[in-house]
Amino acid sequence: MSDIHYCDADGYFDTGDCPVCGDDGRRVLSARRRTQVSKFISGALRHFPDDAGLKLNDAGWTELESLLARTQAKYDGIDREAVIGIIRTDPKGRFEVDGGRVRAAYGHSVSVDLDAGGTPVPDTLYHGTAPDALPSIREAGLKPMSRQYVHLSGSVDAARAVGNRHAAEPVILRVDAAAMGDDGHTITKRGKRVYTTDHVPPAYLTEND
């Protein structure tokens, strides 16, 4: 991750110079500190809200001020601007803000009911996995496992990056998202790169060439 900066005219950025006006802005948070704190925020909103002292509603939302207070209690020198900067510039679009509320856009292991976003879904999506998972996938399809939803990617490269977490040479599966939609399965876009669904039956899966 890169340092987070703030431009008085155009807001937060992490691209060296402001992508709108070219100003170098004011540094809000170092890359090292950003990585550390963003992992806590992500974990608190996805996996351990109770341990972090947060209360999520049924859709995964919590008060932004509560998240700010818990983050500041854990990390010295982290202010509101730093937390907002982390949320606004997250490269994977992991967070959503709605007024004074914040939530993780996807990836929960705690029980939440994310609302359907209504965003158009590509006809083809992708999933990266380890080769030794293929026999069970061919038999039962893609299941959420420890997460609430199956996570799919919009490109082969994105799916490979996910698959690399599980194997040096991941298998990329092609998902017929158009056929799934026609057959009544719901697929929802979450954040910038991730699509989620409850289950992908084997009939909609092929290995990518």
N, C-alpha and C. Protein backbone atom coordinates (compact mmCIF):
# COMPACT_ATOMS: atom_id res chain seq x y z
N MET A 1 0.83 -1.20 0.00
CA MET A 1 0.00 0.00 0.00
C MET A 1 0.86 1.25 0.00
N SER A 2 0.30 2.34 -0.46
CA SER A 2 1.00 3.62 -0.52
C SER A 2 0.55 4.53 0.62
N ASP A 3 1.30 5.61 0.85
CA ASP A 3 0.88 6.63 1.80
C ASP A 3 -0.46 7.21 1.35
N ILE A 4 -1.25 7.64 2.31
CA ILE A 4 -2.50 8.36 2.01
C ILE A 4 -2.24 9.85 2.15
N HIS A 5 -2.66 10.63 1.16
CA HIS A 5 -2.55 12.08 1.19
C HIS A 5 -3.93 12.72 1.08
N TYR A 6 -4.00 13.99 1.43
CA TYR A 6 -5.25 14.72 1.32
C TYR A 6 -5.02 16.02 0.56
N CYS A 7 -5.83 16.23 -0.46
CA CYS A 7 -5.81 17.46 -1.24
C CYS A 7 -6.99 18.32 -0.81
N ASP A 8 -6.73 19.57 -0.44
CA ASP A 8 -7.80 20.44 0.03
C ASP A 8 -8.89 20.64 -1.01
N ALA A 9 -8.54 20.54 -2.27
CA ALA A 9 -9.52 20.75 -3.34
C ALA A 9 -10.26 19.48 -3.72
N ASP A 10 -9.56 18.33 -3.70
CA ASP A 10 -10.13 17.12 -4.29
C ASP A 10 -10.21 15.91 -3.35
N GLY A 11 -9.78 16.05 -2.11
CA GLY A 11 -9.96 14.98 -1.14
C GLY A 11 -8.80 14.00 -1.07
N TYR A 12 -9.09 12.79 -0.61
CA TYR A 12 -8.07 11.77 -0.33
C TYR A 12 -7.56 11.11 -1.62
N PHE A 13 -6.27 10.74 -1.60
CA PHE A 13 -5.70 10.00 -2.72
C PHE A 13 -4.46 9.25 -2.24
N ASP A 14 -4.05 8.25 -3.00
CA ASP A 14 -2.86 7.46 -2.65
C ASP A 14 -2.03 7.16 -3.89
N THR A 15 -2.00 8.11 -4.80
CA THR A 15 -1.37 7.90 -6.11
C THR A 15 -0.14 8.77 -6.34
N GLY A 16 0.50 9.26 -5.29
CA GLY A 16 1.67 10.12 -5.46
C GLY A 16 1.27 11.57 -5.49
N ASP A 17 0.63 11.99 -6.58
CA ASP A 17 0.05 13.34 -6.70
C ASP A 17 -1.45 13.21 -6.87
N CYS A 18 -2.17 14.27 -6.52
CA CYS A 18 -3.62 14.25 -6.68
C CYS A 18 -3.98 13.95 -8.13
N PRO A 19 -4.78 12.93 -8.40
CA PRO A 19 -5.10 12.57 -9.78
C PRO A 19 -5.96 13.61 -10.49
N VAL A 20 -6.54 14.55 -9.74
CA VAL A 20 -7.39 15.57 -10.35
C VAL A 20 -6.61 16.83 -10.68
N CYS A 21 -5.89 17.37 -9.68
CA CYS A 21 -5.22 18.67 -9.89
C CYS A 21 -3.70 18.58 -9.92
N GLY A 22 -3.13 17.43 -9.54
CA GLY A 22 -1.68 17.26 -9.58
C GLY A 22 -0.95 17.76 -8.35
N ASP A 23 -1.67 18.26 -7.37
CA ASP A 23 -1.04 18.74 -6.14
C ASP A 23 -0.51 17.56 -5.33
N ASP A 24 0.60 17.78 -4.58
CA ASP A 24 1.15 16.67 -3.81
C ASP A 24 0.41 16.48 -2.49
N GLY A 25 -0.45 17.41 -2.11
CA GLY A 25 -1.31 17.26 -0.95
C GLY A 25 -0.56 17.20 0.37
N ARG A 26 -1.27 16.78 1.38
CA ARG A 26 -0.74 16.68 2.74
C ARG A 26 -0.82 15.22 3.17
N ARG A 27 0.28 14.66 3.69
CA ARG A 27 0.27 13.25 4.06
C ARG A 27 -0.60 13.05 5.31
N VAL A 28 -1.50 12.08 5.20
CA VAL A 28 -2.40 11.76 6.30
C VAL A 28 -1.94 10.54 7.06
N LEU A 29 -1.36 9.57 6.33
CA LEU A 29 -1.00 8.30 6.95
C LEU A 29 0.08 7.61 6.13
N SER A 30 1.07 7.02 6.81
CA SER A 30 2.13 6.31 6.11
C SER A 30 1.62 4.97 5.59
N ALA A 31 2.30 4.42 4.62
CA ALA A 31 1.91 3.14 4.04
C ALA A 31 1.93 2.03 5.08
N ARG A 32 2.96 2.01 5.92
CA ARG A 32 3.08 0.96 6.94
C ARG A 32 1.92 1.03 7.93
N ARG A 33 1.63 2.22 8.39
CA ARG A 33 0.54 2.41 9.35
C ARG A 33 -0.81 2.12 8.69
N ARG A 34 -0.95 2.50 7.44
CA ARG A 34 -2.18 2.24 6.70
C ARG A 34 -2.47 0.74 6.63
N THR A 35 -1.47 -0.04 6.31
CA THR A 35 -1.65 -1.49 6.22
C THR A 35 -2.09 -2.07 7.55
N GLN A 36 -1.44 -1.64 8.61
CA GLN A 36 -1.74 -2.13 9.94
C GLN A 36 -3.17 -1.81 10.37
N VAL A 37 -3.55 -0.56 10.22
CA VAL A 37 -4.86 -0.13 10.69
C VAL A 37 -5.98 -0.65 9.79
N SER A 38 -5.74 -0.71 8.49
CA SER A 38 -6.80 -1.19 7.58
C SER A 38 -7.11 -2.66 7.83
N LYS A 39 -6.11 -3.44 8.24
CA LYS A 39 -6.37 -4.84 8.57
C LYS A 39 -7.29 -4.94 9.79
N PHE A 40 -7.06 -4.08 10.76
CA PHE A 40 -7.93 -4.08 11.93
C PHE A 40 -9.35 -3.68 11.55
N ILE A 41 -9.50 -2.62 10.78
CA ILE A 41 -10.83 -2.15 10.39
C ILE A 41 -11.57 -3.23 9.60
N SER A 42 -10.87 -3.84 8.66
CA SER A 42 -11.47 -4.89 7.85
C SER A 42 -11.91 -6.06 8.72
N GLY A 43 -11.03 -6.50 9.62
CA GLY A 43 -11.36 -7.62 10.49
C GLY A 43 -12.51 -7.30 11.43
N ALA A 44 -12.52 -6.07 11.96
CA ALA A 44 -13.57 -5.68 12.89
C ALA A 44 -14.94 -5.66 12.22
N LEU A 45 -14.99 -5.23 10.97
CA LEU A 45 -16.27 -5.13 10.26
C LEU A 45 -16.70 -6.45 9.62
N ARG A 46 -15.75 -7.36 9.42
CA ARG A 46 -16.08 -8.61 8.74
C ARG A 46 -16.15 -9.82 9.67
N HIS A 47 -15.25 -9.88 10.64
CA HIS A 47 -15.02 -11.14 11.35
C HIS A 47 -15.16 -11.06 12.87
N PHE A 48 -14.73 -9.97 13.51
CA PHE A 48 -14.74 -9.95 14.97
C PHE A 48 -15.28 -8.63 15.54
N PRO A 49 -16.49 -8.23 15.12
CA PRO A 49 -17.04 -6.98 15.65
C PRO A 49 -17.19 -6.98 17.17
N ASP A 50 -17.61 -8.10 17.75
CA ASP A 50 -17.79 -8.15 19.20
C ASP A 50 -16.47 -7.92 19.92
N ASP A 51 -15.42 -8.59 19.46
CA ASP A 51 -14.10 -8.43 20.09
C ASP A 51 -13.60 -7.00 19.94
N ALA A 52 -13.97 -6.35 18.84
CA ALA A 52 -13.52 -4.98 18.61
C ALA A 52 -14.40 -3.96 19.32
N GLY A 53 -15.49 -4.42 19.92
CA GLY A 53 -16.39 -3.52 20.62
C GLY A 53 -17.40 -2.83 19.71
N LEU A 54 -17.70 -3.45 18.56
CA LEU A 54 -18.64 -2.86 17.62
C LEU A 54 -19.95 -3.65 17.61
N LYS A 55 -21.02 -2.97 17.32
CA LYS A 55 -22.33 -3.62 17.15
C LYS A 55 -22.78 -3.41 15.72
N LEU A 56 -22.91 -4.51 14.96
CA LEU A 56 -23.38 -4.44 13.58
C LEU A 56 -24.88 -4.69 13.55
N ASN A 57 -25.60 -3.97 12.68
CA ASN A 57 -27.00 -4.30 12.49
C ASN A 57 -27.13 -5.46 11.51
N ASP A 58 -28.34 -5.84 11.17
CA ASP A 58 -28.55 -7.03 10.35
C ASP A 58 -27.89 -6.94 8.98
N ALA A 59 -27.71 -5.71 8.47
CA ALA A 59 -27.09 -5.51 7.16
C ALA A 59 -25.60 -5.21 7.25
N GLY A 60 -25.02 -5.33 8.44
CA GLY A 60 -23.58 -5.15 8.59
C GLY A 60 -23.13 -3.74 8.89
N TRP A 61 -24.07 -2.79 9.05
CA TRP A 61 -23.69 -1.41 9.31
C TRP A 61 -23.38 -1.19 10.79
N THR A 62 -22.42 -0.30 11.06
CA THR A 62 -22.17 0.18 12.40
C THR A 62 -21.94 1.69 12.32
N GLU A 63 -22.01 2.35 13.45
CA GLU A 63 -21.80 3.79 13.47
C GLU A 63 -20.33 4.12 13.19
N LEU A 64 -20.11 5.05 12.29
CA LEU A 64 -18.75 5.46 11.95
C LEU A 64 -18.02 5.97 13.17
N GLU A 65 -18.71 6.69 14.03
CA GLU A 65 -18.08 7.22 15.24
C GLU A 65 -17.63 6.09 16.17
N SER A 66 -18.37 5.00 16.21
CA SER A 66 -17.98 3.85 17.02
C SER A 66 -16.71 3.21 16.49
N LEU A 67 -16.66 3.04 15.15
CA LEU A 67 -15.46 2.48 14.54
C LEU A 67 -14.27 3.39 14.80
N LEU A 68 -14.46 4.68 14.67
CA LEU A 68 -13.39 5.64 14.92
C LEU A 68 -12.88 5.52 16.35
N ALA A 69 -13.79 5.46 17.32
CA ALA A 69 -13.40 5.38 18.72
C ALA A 69 -12.63 4.10 19.01
N ARG A 70 -13.07 2.98 18.47
CA ARG A 70 -12.40 1.70 18.72
C ARG A 70 -11.02 1.66 18.06
N THR A 71 -10.93 2.26 16.89
CA THR A 71 -9.64 2.29 16.20
C THR A 71 -8.65 3.18 16.94
N GLN A 72 -9.11 4.32 17.40
CA GLN A 72 -8.25 5.23 18.15
C GLN A 72 -7.81 4.61 19.48
N ALA A 73 -8.70 3.81 20.09
CA ALA A 73 -8.34 3.17 21.36
C ALA A 73 -7.26 2.12 21.16
N LYS A 74 -7.20 1.53 19.98
CA LYS A 74 -6.22 0.48 19.71
C LYS A 74 -4.89 1.03 19.20
N TYR A 75 -4.95 2.14 18.44
CA TYR A 75 -3.75 2.67 17.81
C TYR A 75 -3.53 4.13 18.20
N ASP A 76 -2.42 4.40 18.84
CA ASP A 76 -2.08 5.77 19.21
C ASP A 76 -1.85 6.62 17.96
N GLY A 77 -2.30 7.85 18.01
CA GLY A 77 -2.01 8.79 16.94
C GLY A 77 -2.87 8.66 15.71
N ILE A 78 -3.87 7.77 15.74
CA ILE A 78 -4.78 7.63 14.60
C ILE A 78 -5.98 8.55 14.82
N ASP A 79 -6.18 9.48 13.91
CA ASP A 79 -7.29 10.42 14.07
C ASP A 79 -8.40 10.11 13.07
N ARG A 80 -9.45 10.89 13.14
CA ARG A 80 -10.61 10.69 12.26
C ARG A 80 -10.20 10.77 10.79
N GLU A 81 -9.34 11.70 10.45
CA GLU A 81 -8.92 11.88 9.07
C GLU A 81 -8.24 10.63 8.54
N ALA A 82 -7.42 9.99 9.38
CA ALA A 82 -6.73 8.78 8.95
C ALA A 82 -7.72 7.65 8.68
N VAL A 83 -8.69 7.47 9.56
CA VAL A 83 -9.68 6.40 9.39
C VAL A 83 -10.51 6.64 8.13
N ILE A 84 -10.97 7.86 7.94
CA ILE A 84 -11.74 8.18 6.73
C ILE A 84 -10.89 7.98 5.49
N GLY A 85 -9.63 8.36 5.55
CA GLY A 85 -8.73 8.17 4.42
C GLY A 85 -8.57 6.71 4.05
N ILE A 86 -8.44 5.85 5.06
CA ILE A 86 -8.33 4.41 4.81
C ILE A 86 -9.58 3.89 4.11
N ILE A 87 -10.73 4.30 4.59
CA ILE A 87 -11.99 3.83 4.03
C ILE A 87 -12.18 4.34 2.59
N ARG A 88 -11.89 5.61 2.37
CA ARG A 88 -12.14 6.22 1.06
C ARG A 88 -11.18 5.74 -0.02
N THR A 89 -9.97 5.36 0.36
CA THR A 89 -8.97 5.02 -0.66
C THR A 89 -8.70 3.52 -0.75
N ASP A 90 -9.49 2.70 -0.07
CA ASP A 90 -9.20 1.27 -0.10
C ASP A 90 -9.17 0.75 -1.54
N PRO A 91 -8.08 0.14 -1.97
CA PRO A 91 -7.94 -0.24 -3.38
C PRO A 91 -8.91 -1.33 -3.83
N LYS A 92 -9.42 -2.10 -2.88
CA LYS A 92 -10.33 -3.19 -3.23
C LYS A 92 -11.80 -2.81 -3.01
N GLY A 93 -12.04 -1.58 -2.59
CA GLY A 93 -13.41 -1.17 -2.34
C GLY A 93 -14.09 -1.99 -1.26
N ARG A 94 -13.34 -2.29 -0.18
CA ARG A 94 -13.87 -3.18 0.86
C ARG A 94 -14.90 -2.52 1.77
N PHE A 95 -14.99 -1.19 1.73
CA PHE A 95 -15.84 -0.49 2.69
C PHE A 95 -16.89 0.38 1.99
N GLU A 96 -18.03 0.52 2.65
CA GLU A 96 -19.10 1.39 2.18
C GLU A 96 -19.47 2.35 3.29
N VAL A 97 -19.72 3.61 2.94
CA VAL A 97 -20.14 4.62 3.90
C VAL A 97 -21.50 5.17 3.47
N ASP A 98 -22.40 5.29 4.43
CA ASP A 98 -23.73 5.82 4.16
C ASP A 98 -24.07 6.78 5.29
N GLY A 99 -23.86 8.08 5.05
CA GLY A 99 -24.07 9.06 6.11
C GLY A 99 -23.11 8.81 7.25
N GLY A 100 -23.64 8.55 8.43
CA GLY A 100 -22.80 8.29 9.59
C GLY A 100 -22.56 6.83 9.85
N ARG A 101 -22.86 5.97 8.84
CA ARG A 101 -22.67 4.53 9.01
C ARG A 101 -21.56 4.02 8.10
N VAL A 102 -20.97 2.89 8.50
CA VAL A 102 -19.93 2.25 7.69
C VAL A 102 -20.10 0.74 7.80
N ARG A 103 -19.74 0.03 6.73
CA ARG A 103 -19.75 -1.43 6.78
C ARG A 103 -18.74 -1.98 5.78
N ALA A 104 -18.40 -3.25 5.95
CA ALA A 104 -17.62 -3.95 4.94
C ALA A 104 -18.55 -4.31 3.78
N ALA A 105 -18.07 -4.13 2.56
CA ALA A 105 -18.90 -4.38 1.38
C ALA A 105 -19.06 -5.86 1.08
N TYR A 106 -18.13 -6.68 1.57
CA TYR A 106 -18.16 -8.12 1.29
C TYR A 106 -17.17 -8.81 2.21
N GLY A 107 -17.15 -10.14 2.18
CA GLY A 107 -16.13 -10.90 2.88
C GLY A 107 -16.45 -11.25 4.32
N HIS A 108 -17.71 -11.15 4.74
CA HIS A 108 -18.06 -11.40 6.14
C HIS A 108 -18.02 -12.90 6.49
N SER A 109 -17.54 -13.17 7.70
CA SER A 109 -17.73 -14.50 8.27
C SER A 109 -18.80 -14.46 9.36
N VAL A 110 -19.13 -13.26 9.88
CA VAL A 110 -20.26 -13.12 10.79
C VAL A 110 -21.53 -13.00 9.97
N SER A 111 -22.66 -13.27 10.59
CA SER A 111 -23.93 -13.31 9.88
C SER A 111 -24.47 -11.90 9.64
N VAL A 112 -24.53 -11.51 8.38
CA VAL A 112 -25.16 -10.26 7.97
C VAL A 112 -25.97 -10.53 6.71
N ASP A 113 -26.90 -9.65 6.40
CA ASP A 113 -27.73 -9.79 5.21
C ASP A 113 -27.50 -8.56 4.34
N LEU A 114 -26.53 -8.64 3.45
CA LEU A 114 -26.21 -7.53 2.57
C LEU A 114 -27.33 -7.33 1.55
N ASP A 115 -27.76 -6.09 1.38
CA ASP A 115 -28.83 -5.81 0.44
C ASP A 115 -28.31 -5.93 -0.98
N ALA A 116 -29.15 -6.39 -1.90
CA ALA A 116 -28.77 -6.46 -3.31
C ALA A 116 -28.53 -5.05 -3.84
N GLY A 117 -27.45 -4.90 -4.59
CA GLY A 117 -27.07 -3.56 -5.04
C GLY A 117 -27.69 -3.12 -6.35
N GLY A 118 -28.20 -4.05 -7.17
CA GLY A 118 -28.82 -3.69 -8.42
C GLY A 118 -27.84 -3.29 -9.50
N THR A 119 -26.53 -3.53 -9.29
CA THR A 119 -25.53 -3.17 -10.29
C THR A 119 -25.46 -4.25 -11.36
N PRO A 120 -25.38 -3.88 -12.65
CA PRO A 120 -25.29 -4.89 -13.70
C PRO A 120 -24.10 -5.83 -13.49
N VAL A 121 -24.30 -7.09 -13.83
CA VAL A 121 -23.28 -8.13 -13.65
C VAL A 121 -22.82 -8.61 -15.02
N PRO A 122 -21.51 -8.78 -15.23
CA PRO A 122 -21.02 -9.28 -16.52
C PRO A 122 -21.59 -10.67 -16.82
N ASP A 123 -21.64 -11.02 -18.08
CA ASP A 123 -22.15 -12.34 -18.47
C ASP A 123 -21.24 -13.46 -17.99
N THR A 124 -19.94 -13.17 -17.87
CA THR A 124 -18.97 -14.17 -17.43
C THR A 124 -18.18 -13.64 -16.24
N LEU A 125 -18.07 -14.44 -15.21
CA LEU A 125 -17.23 -14.12 -14.06
C LEU A 125 -16.23 -15.24 -13.86
N TYR A 126 -15.32 -15.07 -12.90
CA TYR A 126 -14.21 -16.01 -12.73
C TYR A 126 -13.96 -16.29 -11.25
N HIS A 127 -13.37 -17.45 -11.01
CA HIS A 127 -13.04 -17.84 -9.64
C HIS A 127 -11.71 -18.58 -9.66
N GLY A 128 -10.79 -18.16 -8.81
CA GLY A 128 -9.49 -18.83 -8.71
C GLY A 128 -9.46 -19.76 -7.52
N THR A 129 -8.96 -20.96 -7.71
CA THR A 129 -8.93 -21.93 -6.63
C THR A 129 -7.71 -22.84 -6.74
N ALA A 130 -7.45 -23.61 -5.71
CA ALA A 130 -6.35 -24.56 -5.72
C ALA A 130 -6.74 -25.81 -6.51
N PRO A 131 -5.80 -26.42 -7.22
CA PRO A 131 -6.12 -27.61 -8.02
C PRO A 131 -6.74 -28.74 -7.21
N ASP A 132 -6.32 -28.91 -5.95
CA ASP A 132 -6.85 -30.03 -5.16
C ASP A 132 -8.30 -29.82 -4.73
N ALA A 133 -8.83 -28.61 -4.97
CA ALA A 133 -10.24 -28.35 -4.64
C ALA A 133 -11.17 -28.75 -5.78
N LEU A 134 -10.61 -29.03 -6.96
CA LEU A 134 -11.45 -29.28 -8.13
C LEU A 134 -12.40 -30.47 -8.00
N PRO A 135 -11.98 -31.61 -7.44
CA PRO A 135 -12.93 -32.73 -7.36
C PRO A 135 -14.22 -32.39 -6.62
N SER A 136 -14.11 -31.70 -5.49
CA SER A 136 -15.32 -31.35 -4.74
C SER A 136 -16.13 -30.28 -5.46
N ILE A 137 -15.43 -29.36 -6.17
CA ILE A 137 -16.14 -28.32 -6.91
C ILE A 137 -16.91 -28.92 -8.08
N ARG A 138 -16.30 -29.89 -8.77
CA ARG A 138 -17.00 -30.54 -9.89
C ARG A 138 -18.26 -31.26 -9.40
N GLU A 139 -18.21 -31.75 -8.17
CA GLU A 139 -19.34 -32.50 -7.64
C GLU A 139 -20.41 -31.60 -7.05
N ALA A 140 -19.99 -30.58 -6.29
CA ALA A 140 -20.96 -29.78 -5.53
C ALA A 140 -21.00 -28.31 -5.93
N GLY A 141 -20.11 -27.87 -6.83
CA GLY A 141 -20.06 -26.47 -7.20
C GLY A 141 -19.28 -25.64 -6.20
N LEU A 142 -19.39 -24.34 -6.33
CA LEU A 142 -18.72 -23.42 -5.42
C LEU A 142 -19.64 -23.09 -4.26
N LYS A 143 -19.14 -23.31 -3.04
CA LYS A 143 -19.91 -23.03 -1.84
C LYS A 143 -19.18 -21.98 -1.01
N PRO A 144 -19.89 -21.29 -0.12
CA PRO A 144 -19.25 -20.22 0.66
C PRO A 144 -18.17 -20.67 1.61
N MET A 145 -18.21 -21.93 2.05
CA MET A 145 -17.25 -22.45 3.02
C MET A 145 -17.31 -21.61 4.31
N SER A 146 -16.22 -20.98 4.72
CA SER A 146 -16.21 -20.24 5.99
C SER A 146 -16.81 -18.84 5.86
N ARG A 147 -17.10 -18.42 4.65
CA ARG A 147 -17.69 -17.09 4.43
C ARG A 147 -19.19 -17.22 4.22
N GLN A 148 -19.84 -16.06 4.15
CA GLN A 148 -21.28 -16.06 3.95
C GLN A 148 -21.67 -16.26 2.49
N TYR A 149 -20.77 -15.86 1.58
CA TYR A 149 -21.08 -15.91 0.15
C TYR A 149 -19.89 -16.46 -0.63
N VAL A 150 -20.19 -16.98 -1.80
CA VAL A 150 -19.13 -17.31 -2.76
C VAL A 150 -18.65 -16.01 -3.39
N HIS A 151 -17.33 -15.85 -3.49
CA HIS A 151 -16.76 -14.64 -4.07
C HIS A 151 -16.29 -14.93 -5.49
N LEU A 152 -16.70 -14.08 -6.43
CA LEU A 152 -16.32 -14.21 -7.83
C LEU A 152 -15.63 -12.94 -8.28
N SER A 153 -14.85 -13.05 -9.35
CA SER A 153 -14.09 -11.91 -9.87
C SER A 153 -14.54 -11.56 -11.27
N GLY A 154 -14.31 -10.29 -11.63
CA GLY A 154 -14.73 -9.82 -12.94
C GLY A 154 -13.72 -10.05 -14.04
N SER A 155 -12.51 -10.50 -13.70
CA SER A 155 -11.48 -10.74 -14.71
C SER A 155 -10.63 -11.94 -14.32
N VAL A 156 -9.96 -12.50 -15.31
CA VAL A 156 -9.06 -13.63 -15.07
C VAL A 156 -7.93 -13.22 -14.14
N ASP A 157 -7.36 -12.04 -14.36
CA ASP A 157 -6.24 -11.58 -13.53
C ASP A 157 -6.65 -11.44 -12.07
N ALA A 158 -7.84 -10.89 -11.83
CA ALA A 158 -8.31 -10.74 -10.45
C ALA A 158 -8.55 -12.10 -9.81
N ALA A 159 -9.11 -13.04 -10.57
CA ALA A 159 -9.34 -14.38 -10.04
C ALA A 159 -8.02 -15.09 -9.75
N ARG A 160 -7.04 -14.88 -10.61
CA ARG A 160 -5.73 -15.50 -10.38
C ARG A 160 -5.07 -14.95 -9.12
N ALA A 161 -5.23 -13.64 -8.89
CA ALA A 161 -4.66 -13.04 -7.68
C ALA A 161 -5.29 -13.66 -6.43
N VAL A 162 -6.60 -13.91 -6.49
CA VAL A 162 -7.26 -14.58 -5.36
C VAL A 162 -6.78 -16.01 -5.24
N GLY A 163 -6.70 -16.71 -6.36
CA GLY A 163 -6.26 -18.10 -6.34
C GLY A 163 -4.84 -18.28 -5.83
N ASN A 164 -4.00 -17.28 -6.06
CA ASN A 164 -2.61 -17.35 -5.59
C ASN A 164 -2.50 -17.40 -4.08
N ARG A 165 -3.55 -17.04 -3.39
CA ARG A 165 -3.54 -17.15 -1.93
C ARG A 165 -3.61 -18.61 -1.50
N HIS A 166 -4.09 -19.47 -2.41
CA HIS A 166 -4.30 -20.87 -2.06
C HIS A 166 -3.35 -21.83 -2.77
N ALA A 167 -2.75 -21.39 -3.86
CA ALA A 167 -1.86 -22.27 -4.62
C ALA A 167 -0.96 -21.44 -5.50
N ALA A 168 0.26 -21.94 -5.74
CA ALA A 168 1.20 -21.23 -6.61
C ALA A 168 0.72 -21.20 -8.05
N GLU A 169 0.02 -22.27 -8.46
CA GLU A 169 -0.54 -22.35 -9.81
C GLU A 169 -2.03 -22.61 -9.71
N PRO A 170 -2.82 -21.59 -9.44
CA PRO A 170 -4.25 -21.80 -9.25
C PRO A 170 -4.97 -22.17 -10.55
N VAL A 171 -6.09 -22.81 -10.38
CA VAL A 171 -6.99 -23.10 -11.50
C VAL A 171 -8.01 -21.97 -11.58
N ILE A 172 -8.25 -21.48 -12.78
CA ILE A 172 -9.23 -20.42 -12.98
C ILE A 172 -10.50 -21.03 -13.57
N LEU A 173 -11.60 -20.85 -12.88
CA LEU A 173 -12.89 -21.35 -13.33
C LEU A 173 -13.70 -20.22 -13.94
N ARG A 174 -14.35 -20.52 -15.06
CA ARG A 174 -15.22 -19.55 -15.71
C ARG A 174 -16.66 -19.82 -15.26
N VAL A 175 -17.34 -18.75 -14.85
CA VAL A 175 -18.71 -18.86 -14.33
C VAL A 175 -19.67 -18.24 -15.34
N ASP A 176 -20.65 -19.00 -15.75
CA ASP A 176 -21.66 -18.49 -16.69
C ASP A 176 -22.69 -17.69 -15.90
N ALA A 177 -22.33 -16.44 -15.61
CA ALA A 177 -23.18 -15.58 -14.79
C ALA A 177 -24.50 -15.24 -15.48
N ALA A 178 -24.46 -15.11 -16.80
CA ALA A 178 -25.69 -14.81 -17.54
C ALA A 178 -26.71 -15.92 -17.38
N ALA A 179 -26.26 -17.17 -17.51
CA ALA A 179 -27.16 -18.31 -17.35
C ALA A 179 -27.67 -18.42 -15.92
N MET A 180 -26.79 -18.14 -14.96
CA MET A 180 -27.23 -18.16 -13.56
C MET A 180 -28.35 -17.15 -13.33
N GLY A 181 -28.18 -15.94 -13.88
CA GLY A 181 -29.21 -14.92 -13.73
C GLY A 181 -30.52 -15.33 -14.38
N ASP A 182 -30.41 -15.92 -15.57
CA ASP A 182 -31.62 -16.37 -16.29
C ASP A 182 -32.36 -17.44 -15.49
N ASP A 183 -31.60 -18.23 -14.72
CA ASP A 183 -32.20 -19.33 -13.96
C ASP A 183 -32.60 -18.93 -12.55
N GLY A 184 -32.51 -17.63 -12.25
CA GLY A 184 -33.02 -17.15 -10.97
C GLY A 184 -32.02 -17.01 -9.85
N HIS A 185 -30.73 -17.23 -10.13
CA HIS A 185 -29.70 -17.06 -9.10
C HIS A 185 -29.32 -15.57 -9.00
N THR A 186 -29.13 -15.10 -7.80
CA THR A 186 -28.78 -13.71 -7.58
C THR A 186 -27.26 -13.56 -7.44
N ILE A 187 -26.69 -12.66 -8.24
CA ILE A 187 -25.28 -12.29 -8.13
C ILE A 187 -25.23 -10.79 -7.92
N THR A 188 -24.46 -10.35 -6.93
CA THR A 188 -24.42 -8.94 -6.55
C THR A 188 -22.99 -8.43 -6.56
N LYS A 189 -22.80 -7.24 -7.11
CA LYS A 189 -21.47 -6.62 -7.06
C LYS A 189 -21.24 -6.01 -5.70
N ARG A 190 -20.05 -6.27 -5.14
CA ARG A 190 -19.67 -5.73 -3.84
C ARG A 190 -18.34 -5.00 -3.99
N GLY A 191 -18.30 -3.72 -3.65
CA GLY A 191 -17.07 -2.97 -3.79
C GLY A 191 -16.70 -2.80 -5.25
N LYS A 192 -15.38 -2.75 -5.53
CA LYS A 192 -14.91 -2.45 -6.87
C LYS A 192 -14.70 -3.69 -7.74
N ARG A 193 -14.35 -4.83 -7.13
CA ARG A 193 -13.90 -5.96 -7.93
C ARG A 193 -14.61 -7.27 -7.66
N VAL A 194 -15.40 -7.33 -6.61
CA VAL A 194 -15.93 -8.61 -6.13
C VAL A 194 -17.42 -8.73 -6.42
N TYR A 195 -17.83 -9.94 -6.80
CA TYR A 195 -19.23 -10.29 -6.98
C TYR A 195 -19.53 -11.46 -6.04
N THR A 196 -20.71 -11.45 -5.45
CA THR A 196 -21.05 -12.51 -4.51
C THR A 196 -22.34 -13.20 -4.90
N THR A 197 -22.42 -14.47 -4.51
CA THR A 197 -23.63 -15.26 -4.70
C THR A 197 -23.66 -16.35 -3.65
N ASP A 198 -24.82 -16.95 -3.45
CA ASP A 198 -24.95 -17.97 -2.41
C ASP A 198 -24.26 -19.27 -2.78
N HIS A 199 -24.31 -19.64 -4.07
CA HIS A 199 -23.80 -20.95 -4.50
C HIS A 199 -23.71 -20.94 -6.02
N VAL A 200 -22.66 -21.54 -6.55
CA VAL A 200 -22.54 -21.71 -8.00
C VAL A 200 -22.60 -23.21 -8.30
N PRO A 201 -23.72 -23.73 -8.78
CA PRO A 201 -23.80 -25.16 -9.11
C PRO A 201 -22.80 -25.54 -10.21
N PRO A 202 -22.42 -26.80 -10.24
CA PRO A 202 -21.40 -27.25 -11.22
C PRO A 202 -21.77 -26.97 -12.67
N ALA A 203 -23.05 -26.95 -12.99
CA ALA A 203 -23.48 -26.77 -14.38
C ALA A 203 -23.05 -25.43 -14.96
N TYR A 204 -22.76 -24.46 -14.11
CA TYR A 204 -22.39 -23.11 -14.58
C TYR A 204 -20.87 -22.91 -14.60
N LEU A 205 -20.10 -23.95 -14.34
CA LEU A 205 -18.66 -23.82 -14.22
C LEU A 205 -17.92 -24.57 -15.30
N THR A 206 -16.90 -23.92 -15.87
CA THR A 206 -15.95 -24.59 -16.76
C THR A 206 -14.56 -24.09 -16.44
N GLU A 207 -13.57 -24.89 -16.74
CA GLU A 207 -12.18 -24.44 -16.53
C GLU A 207 -11.79 -23.47 -17.63
N ASN A 208 -11.16 -22.38 -17.23
CA ASN A 208 -10.72 -21.40 -18.21
C ASN A 208 -9.51 -21.90 -18.96
N ASP A 209 -9.50 -21.75 -20.27
CA ASP A 209 -8.37 -22.22 -21.09
C ASP A 209 -7.12 -21.38 -20.87
